[in-house]
Structure formats: structure tokens, C-alpha cells
Amino acid sequence: MKDFFSNVSLMLAVRGMAAITFGVLALVWPGITLSALLIVFGAFAFVDGVTAIALAITGESTLPRWVLALDGIAGVIIAAITLVAPGVTAVALLYIIATWCLITGSLLIGGAAAGTSFGRPAWLMALDGVISVVFGILLIAWPGDGILALVWALGLYAIFAGVTMLFGAFLFADRADAIPSPGKTRAAAAG
């Protein structure tokens, strides 16, 4: 087992295959993918909330107990909402992303109009801003399609990331003999 985890090229290949598999599943079954993501988020929020409540009860933290208790209660409530009404959670997440797109896009457009240069042409920054704002508006206008688009984008990203990890695994495997292992380096230094 130790050899498996110390083999970088094999680990990259496994991660790449897992990412590609996830990406294909997200494209083929976007509804199931979204449901699974929401369940994982709900489970995380629940565990986080219960842990915060436990820390508030035991007092084993530098934070005030009331802060931990409120944080824990909020986590448990969000977990319950996520697991009982996942559609509400998905739509809320969509609106958070849309708001973020509108804010960042507006800031990019404003920065380009003010003539501020961040190492790239102002027109390119303005174009980035316009694309972001338009994407945010589209998410708000068609939230159902927006959620589906986000799952598809996540799937495409996972496939792309998986392919690059597999490519990296093959490149790393070809060059692995040229990289000295820590054991070989110590043996060469001792000899």
C-alpha cells in the first residue's frame, strides 16, 4: 500500500481517471450529480455544526462559547434545509454565484473605464467584465437552466482536469527514472 501512495505517476493517473469519470457522470446525469453535491454539502454542514456545538459545550476553544453555539446551530439548520429541500439550496447557491458574477464583472468594467491597468489591455478587462455580468444576468433570468449549466461546466472542467492529470502522469512516469529518490540520494551521499 505504501508503494501505491508513493508512486506519484500512479496517483496522478488514479486522480485523473476519477476526475474524468466524475465529469462524464456530471454530463450524462446532471440531476444525480447536483443531488450528490448537495447531499455532500449537507453532510459537511451537519458535521461542522455538531462539532461547533460540541466545542461550545466543552469550552475547548479560544472562541467565545456563544459564537460557537450560534455557528453550530446555523450549520445544523443549513444541513437540515439542504437535505430536506435541496432545490432551495441549489437555487440559493445559484443566486450567490450570479451575485458574485455581477459584482466582479461590474468592478472589472469600472476598472477598465477608469483606465487602471492590471497588466493587460483595458478592452480585455472590460470584455471579461461584460461576460461576467451577462453570465450573472442569465443565471438570474433562467435559474433552472443556470443550475444545469453549472453542473455541465463542472463536468467539463473535471474531464479537462482529468485529462491533464493523466497527461502529467504519463510525462512523470517517463521522467521518473531521472529523478533521484530520497533513498538513492542518501545512499549516494553516504558512499
C-alpha atoms as a PDB file:
ATOM      1  CA  MET A   1       0.000   0.000   0.000  1.00  0.00           C
ATOM      2  CA  LYS A   2       2.891   2.348   0.819  1.00  0.00           C
ATOM      3  CA  ASP A   3       4.329   1.843  -2.681  1.00  0.00           C
ATOM      4  CA  PHE A   4       0.954   2.760  -4.196  1.00  0.00           C
ATOM      5  CA  PHE A   5       0.797   6.090  -2.355  1.00  0.00           C
ATOM      6  CA  SER A   6       4.455   6.912  -3.003  1.00  0.00           C
ATOM      7  CA  ASN A   7       4.117   6.368  -6.771  1.00  0.00           C
ATOM      8  CA  VAL A   8       3.359   9.907  -7.964  1.00  0.00           C
ATOM      9  CA  SER A   9       2.593   8.986 -11.565  1.00  0.00           C
ATOM     10  CA  LEU A  10       0.174   6.255 -10.463  1.00  0.00           C
ATOM     11  CA  MET A  11      -1.571   8.613  -8.037  1.00  0.00           C
ATOM     12  CA  LEU A  12      -1.907  11.256 -10.780  1.00  0.00           C
ATOM     13  CA  ALA A  13      -3.344   8.640 -13.123  1.00  0.00           C
ATOM     14  CA  VAL A  14      -5.867   7.476 -10.496  1.00  0.00           C
ATOM     15  CA  ARG A  15      -6.903  11.071  -9.759  1.00  0.00           C
ATOM     16  CA  GLY A  16      -7.182  11.761 -13.494  1.00  0.00           C
ATOM     17  CA  MET A  17      -9.390   8.742 -14.098  1.00  0.00           C
ATOM     18  CA  ALA A  18     -11.576   9.666 -11.109  1.00  0.00           C
ATOM     19  CA  ALA A  19     -11.957  13.227 -12.415  1.00  0.00           C
ATOM     20  CA  ILE A  20     -12.839  12.027 -15.917  1.00  0.00           C
ATOM     21  CA  THR A  21     -15.365   9.553 -14.505  1.00  0.00           C
ATOM     22  CA  PHE A  22     -16.958  12.295 -12.382  1.00  0.00           C
ATOM     23  CA  GLY A  23     -17.035  14.652 -15.365  1.00  0.00           C
ATOM     24  CA  VAL A  24     -18.714  12.104 -17.638  1.00  0.00           C
ATOM     25  CA  LEU A  25     -21.284  11.288 -14.935  1.00  0.00           C
ATOM     26  CA  ALA A  26     -21.992  15.001 -14.454  1.00  0.00           C
ATOM     27  CA  LEU A  27     -22.663  15.381 -18.179  1.00  0.00           C
ATOM     28  CA  VAL A  28     -24.720  12.194 -18.505  1.00  0.00           C
ATOM     29  CA  TRP A  29     -26.708  12.513 -15.242  1.00  0.00           C
ATOM     30  CA  PRO A  30     -26.614  16.181 -14.193  1.00  0.00           C
ATOM     31  CA  GLY A  31     -29.587  15.808 -11.830  1.00  0.00           C
ATOM     32  CA  ILE A  32     -27.934  12.992  -9.891  1.00  0.00           C
ATOM     33  CA  THR A  33     -24.655  14.929  -9.790  1.00  0.00           C
ATOM     34  CA  LEU A  34     -26.340  18.019  -8.366  1.00  0.00           C
ATOM     35  CA  SER A  35     -28.204  15.915  -5.798  1.00  0.00           C
ATOM     36  CA  ALA A  36     -24.990  14.183  -4.740  1.00  0.00           C
ATOM     37  CA  LEU A  37     -23.156  17.515  -4.384  1.00  0.00           C
ATOM     38  CA  LEU A  38     -25.969  18.898  -2.253  1.00  0.00           C
ATOM     39  CA  ILE A  39     -26.007  15.779  -0.042  1.00  0.00           C
ATOM     40  CA  VAL A  40     -22.251  16.052   0.482  1.00  0.00           C
ATOM     41  CA  PHE A  41     -22.611  19.748   1.318  1.00  0.00           C
ATOM     42  CA  GLY A  42     -25.466  18.972   3.726  1.00  0.00           C
ATOM     43  CA  ALA A  43     -23.411  16.278   5.446  1.00  0.00           C
ATOM     44  CA  PHE A  44     -20.462  18.655   5.744  1.00  0.00           C
ATOM     45  CA  ALA A  45     -22.634  21.430   7.205  1.00  0.00           C
ATOM     46  CA  PHE A  46     -24.143  18.978   9.713  1.00  0.00           C
ATOM     47  CA  VAL A  47     -20.771  17.612  10.889  1.00  0.00           C
ATOM     48  CA  ASP A  48     -19.340  21.123  11.069  1.00  0.00           C
ATOM     49  CA  GLY A  49     -22.346  22.341  13.062  1.00  0.00           C
ATOM     50  CA  VAL A  50     -22.315  19.436  15.502  1.00  0.00           C
ATOM     51  CA  THR A  51     -18.571  19.886  16.020  1.00  0.00           C
ATOM     52  CA  ALA A  52     -19.019  23.591  16.735  1.00  0.00           C
ATOM     53  CA  ILE A  53     -21.809  22.827  19.228  1.00  0.00           C
ATOM     54  CA  ALA A  54     -19.612  20.219  20.925  1.00  0.00           C
ATOM     55  CA  LEU A  55     -16.790  22.758  21.206  1.00  0.00           C
ATOM     56  CA  ALA A  56     -19.240  25.293  22.652  1.00  0.00           C
ATOM     57  CA  ILE A  57     -20.355  22.782  25.285  1.00  0.00           C
ATOM     58  CA  THR A  58     -16.851  21.674  26.261  1.00  0.00           C
ATOM     59  CA  GLY A  59     -15.351  25.164  26.061  1.00  0.00           C
ATOM     60  CA  GLU A  60     -12.188  23.800  24.415  1.00  0.00           C
ATOM     61  CA  SER A  61     -11.702  26.710  22.041  1.00  0.00           C
ATOM     62  CA  THR A  62     -10.359  30.230  22.053  1.00  0.00           C
ATOM     63  CA  LEU A  63     -13.627  31.496  20.576  1.00  0.00           C
ATOM     64  CA  PRO A  64     -16.468  32.521  22.880  1.00  0.00           C
ATOM     65  CA  ARG A  65     -18.950  29.706  23.515  1.00  0.00           C
ATOM     66  CA  TRP A  66     -21.904  31.703  22.238  1.00  0.00           C
ATOM     67  CA  VAL A  67     -20.151  32.254  18.880  1.00  0.00           C
ATOM     68  CA  LEU A  68     -19.501  28.528  18.532  1.00  0.00           C
ATOM     69  CA  ALA A  69     -23.046  27.684  19.608  1.00  0.00           C
ATOM     70  CA  LEU A  70     -24.597  30.058  17.048  1.00  0.00           C
ATOM     71  CA  ASP A  71     -22.230  28.808  14.360  1.00  0.00           C
ATOM     72  CA  GLY A  72     -23.120  25.218  15.203  1.00  0.00           C
ATOM     73  CA  ILE A  73     -26.851  25.867  15.224  1.00  0.00           C
ATOM     74  CA  ALA A  74     -26.588  27.645  11.865  1.00  0.00           C
ATOM     75  CA  GLY A  75     -24.676  24.686  10.421  1.00  0.00           C
ATOM     76  CA  VAL A  76     -27.253  22.170  11.612  1.00  0.00           C
ATOM     77  CA  ILE A  77     -30.125  24.309  10.268  1.00  0.00           C
ATOM     78  CA  ILE A  78     -28.427  24.731   6.879  1.00  0.00           C
ATOM     79  CA  ALA A  79     -27.786  20.972   6.785  1.00  0.00           C
ATOM     80  CA  ALA A  80     -31.444  20.272   7.525  1.00  0.00           C
ATOM     81  CA  ILE A  81     -32.604  22.699   4.823  1.00  0.00           C
ATOM     82  CA  THR A  82     -30.145  21.197   2.340  1.00  0.00           C
ATOM     83  CA  LEU A  83     -31.250  17.637   2.992  1.00  0.00           C
ATOM     84  CA  VAL A  84     -34.987  18.368   3.297  1.00  0.00           C
ATOM     85  CA  ALA A  85     -35.256  20.958   0.495  1.00  0.00           C
ATOM     86  CA  PRO A  86     -32.243  20.527  -1.809  1.00  0.00           C
ATOM     87  CA  GLY A  87     -33.874  22.621  -4.535  1.00  0.00           C
ATOM     88  CA  VAL A  88     -33.869  25.671  -2.265  1.00  0.00           C
ATOM     89  CA  THR A  89     -30.156  25.162  -1.554  1.00  0.00           C
ATOM     90  CA  ALA A  90     -29.323  24.767  -5.246  1.00  0.00           C
ATOM     91  CA  VAL A  91     -31.191  27.935  -6.169  1.00  0.00           C
ATOM     92  CA  ALA A  92     -29.578  29.853  -3.289  1.00  0.00           C
ATOM     93  CA  LEU A  93     -26.133  28.733  -4.460  1.00  0.00           C
ATOM     94  CA  LEU A  94     -27.008  29.788  -7.980  1.00  0.00           C
ATOM     95  CA  TYR A  95     -28.002  33.282  -6.807  1.00  0.00           C
ATOM     96  CA  ILE A  96     -24.788  33.607  -4.790  1.00  0.00           C
ATOM     97  CA  ILE A  97     -22.761  32.751  -7.893  1.00  0.00           C
ATOM     98  CA  ALA A  98     -24.865  35.139 -10.006  1.00  0.00           C
ATOM     99  CA  THR A  99     -24.341  37.953  -7.493  1.00  0.00           C
ATOM    100  CA  TRP A 100     -20.612  37.286  -7.467  1.00  0.00           C
ATOM    101  CA  CYS A 101     -20.553  37.425 -11.293  1.00  0.00           C
ATOM    102  CA  LEU A 102     -22.426  40.738 -11.309  1.00  0.00           C
ATOM    103  CA  ILE A 103     -20.147  42.320  -8.692  1.00  0.00           C
ATOM    104  CA  THR A 104     -16.843  41.157 -10.140  1.00  0.00           C
ATOM    105  CA  GLY A 105     -17.950  41.935 -13.683  1.00  0.00           C
ATOM    106  CA  SER A 106     -19.018  45.450 -12.703  1.00  0.00           C
ATOM    107  CA  LEU A 107     -15.699  46.012 -10.935  1.00  0.00           C
ATOM    108  CA  LEU A 108     -13.766  44.856 -13.996  1.00  0.00           C
ATOM    109  CA  ILE A 109     -15.781  47.151 -16.267  1.00  0.00           C
ATOM    110  CA  GLY A 110     -15.262  50.041 -13.833  1.00  0.00           C
ATOM    111  CA  GLY A 111     -11.539  49.363 -13.633  1.00  0.00           C
ATOM    112  CA  ALA A 112     -11.259  49.278 -17.409  1.00  0.00           C
ATOM    113  CA  ALA A 113     -13.262  52.502 -17.766  1.00  0.00           C
ATOM    114  CA  ALA A 114     -11.091  54.234 -15.158  1.00  0.00           C
ATOM    115  CA  GLY A 115      -8.035  53.326 -17.192  1.00  0.00           C
ATOM    116  CA  THR A 116      -6.500  51.223 -14.439  1.00  0.00           C
ATOM    117  CA  SER A 117      -4.054  48.736 -15.911  1.00  0.00           C
ATOM    118  CA  PHE A 118      -3.626  45.368 -14.260  1.00  0.00           C
ATOM    119  CA  GLY A 119      -1.036  44.127 -16.703  1.00  0.00           C
ATOM    120  CA  ARG A 120      -3.459  43.577 -19.564  1.00  0.00           C
ATOM    121  CA  PRO A 121      -5.261  45.774 -22.079  1.00  0.00           C
ATOM    122  CA  ALA A 122      -8.293  47.652 -20.758  1.00  0.00           C
ATOM    123  CA  TRP A 123     -10.528  46.293 -23.524  1.00  0.00           C
ATOM    124  CA  LEU A 124      -9.752  42.732 -22.436  1.00  0.00           C
ATOM    125  CA  MET A 125     -10.600  43.573 -18.829  1.00  0.00           C
ATOM    126  CA  ALA A 126     -13.850  45.218 -19.981  1.00  0.00           C
ATOM    127  CA  LEU A 127     -14.694  42.160 -22.083  1.00  0.00           C
ATOM    128  CA  ASP A 128     -14.113  39.904 -19.056  1.00  0.00           C
ATOM    129  CA  GLY A 129     -16.409  42.150 -17.052  1.00  0.00           C
ATOM    130  CA  VAL A 130     -19.152  42.149 -19.670  1.00  0.00           C
ATOM    131  CA  ILE A 131     -19.033  38.356 -19.976  1.00  0.00           C
ATOM    132  CA  SER A 132     -19.256  38.019 -16.203  1.00  0.00           C
ATOM    133  CA  VAL A 133     -22.195  40.440 -15.936  1.00  0.00           C
ATOM    134  CA  VAL A 134     -24.053  38.770 -18.811  1.00  0.00           C
ATOM    135  CA  PHE A 135     -23.491  35.348 -17.217  1.00  0.00           C
ATOM    136  CA  GLY A 136     -24.823  36.650 -13.892  1.00  0.00           C
ATOM    137  CA  ILE A 137     -27.911  38.103 -15.576  1.00  0.00           C
ATOM    138  CA  LEU A 138     -28.561  34.847 -17.446  1.00  0.00           C
ATOM    139  CA  LEU A 139     -28.291  32.847 -14.207  1.00  0.00           C
ATOM    140  CA  ILE A 140     -30.882  35.117 -12.561  1.00  0.00           C
ATOM    141  CA  ALA A 141     -33.178  35.126 -15.617  1.00  0.00           C
ATOM    142  CA  TRP A 142     -33.181  31.333 -16.059  1.00  0.00           C
ATOM    143  CA  PRO A 143     -32.191  29.725 -12.744  1.00  0.00           C
ATOM    144  CA  GLY A 144     -33.209  26.176 -13.739  1.00  0.00           C
ATOM    145  CA  ASP A 145     -31.108  26.268 -16.886  1.00  0.00           C
ATOM    146  CA  GLY A 146     -28.356  28.002 -14.901  1.00  0.00           C
ATOM    147  CA  ILE A 147     -28.107  25.162 -12.409  1.00  0.00           C
ATOM    148  CA  LEU A 148     -27.908  22.658 -15.255  1.00  0.00           C
ATOM    149  CA  ALA A 149     -25.245  24.797 -16.955  1.00  0.00           C
ATOM    150  CA  LEU A 150     -23.203  24.921 -13.735  1.00  0.00           C
ATOM    151  CA  VAL A 151     -23.287  21.129 -13.400  1.00  0.00           C
ATOM    152  CA  TRP A 152     -22.269  20.751 -17.044  1.00  0.00           C
ATOM    153  CA  ALA A 153     -19.459  23.285 -16.588  1.00  0.00           C
ATOM    154  CA  LEU A 154     -18.274  21.342 -13.544  1.00  0.00           C
ATOM    155  CA  GLY A 155     -18.389  18.134 -15.580  1.00  0.00           C
ATOM    156  CA  LEU A 156     -16.406  19.642 -18.455  1.00  0.00           C
ATOM    157  CA  TYR A 157     -13.885  21.076 -16.021  1.00  0.00           C
ATOM    158  CA  ALA A 158     -13.471  17.682 -14.331  1.00  0.00           C
ATOM    159  CA  ILE A 159     -12.883  15.969 -17.679  1.00  0.00           C
ATOM    160  CA  PHE A 160     -10.332  18.599 -18.730  1.00  0.00           C
ATOM    161  CA  ALA A 161      -8.559  18.395 -15.344  1.00  0.00           C
ATOM    162  CA  GLY A 162      -8.588  14.584 -15.517  1.00  0.00           C
ATOM    163  CA  VAL A 163      -7.056  14.553 -18.989  1.00  0.00           C
ATOM    164  CA  THR A 164      -4.303  16.943 -17.897  1.00  0.00           C
ATOM    165  CA  MET A 165      -3.614  14.787 -14.814  1.00  0.00           C
ATOM    166  CA  LEU A 166      -3.347  11.668 -16.994  1.00  0.00           C
ATOM    167  CA  PHE A 167      -1.029  13.513 -19.365  1.00  0.00           C
ATOM    168  CA  GLY A 168       1.058  14.629 -16.381  1.00  0.00           C
ATOM    169  CA  ALA A 169       1.124  11.064 -15.050  1.00  0.00           C
ATOM    170  CA  PHE A 170       2.497   9.757 -18.344  1.00  0.00           C
ATOM    171  CA  LEU A 171       5.088  12.543 -18.534  1.00  0.00           C
ATOM    172  CA  PHE A 172       6.095  11.972 -14.925  1.00  0.00           C
ATOM    173  CA  ALA A 173       6.369   8.208 -15.433  1.00  0.00           C
ATOM    174  CA  ASP A 174       8.694   8.763 -18.417  1.00  0.00           C
ATOM    175  CA  ARG A 175      10.928  11.041 -16.350  1.00  0.00           C
ATOM    176  CA  ALA A 176      10.686   9.207 -13.018  1.00  0.00           C
ATOM    177  CA  ASP A 177      13.961   7.346 -13.601  1.00  0.00           C
ATOM    178  CA  ALA A 178      15.801  10.663 -13.953  1.00  0.00           C
ATOM    179  CA  ILE A 179      14.553  11.903 -10.563  1.00  0.00           C
ATOM    180  CA  PRO A 180      16.561  10.521  -7.647  1.00  0.00           C
ATOM    181  CA  SER A 181      14.511   9.094  -4.798  1.00  0.00           C
ATOM    182  CA  PRO A 182      15.352  10.159  -1.233  1.00  0.00           C
ATOM    183  CA  GLY A 183      16.778   6.691  -0.503  1.00  0.00           C
ATOM    184  CA  LYS A 184      19.071   6.815  -3.550  1.00  0.00           C
ATOM    185  CA  THR A 185      20.247  10.320  -2.638  1.00  0.00           C
ATOM    186  CA  ARG A 186      21.163   9.289   0.923  1.00  0.00           C
ATOM    187  CA  ALA A 187      22.943   6.150  -0.321  1.00  0.00           C
ATOM    188  CA  ALA A 188      24.947   8.157  -2.873  1.00  0.00           C
ATOM    189  CA  ALA A 189      25.900  10.724  -0.232  1.00  0.00           C
ATOM    190  CA  ALA A 190      26.978   8.028   2.234  1.00  0.00           C
ATOM    191  CA  GLY A 191      29.056   6.155  -0.385  1.00  0.00           C
END
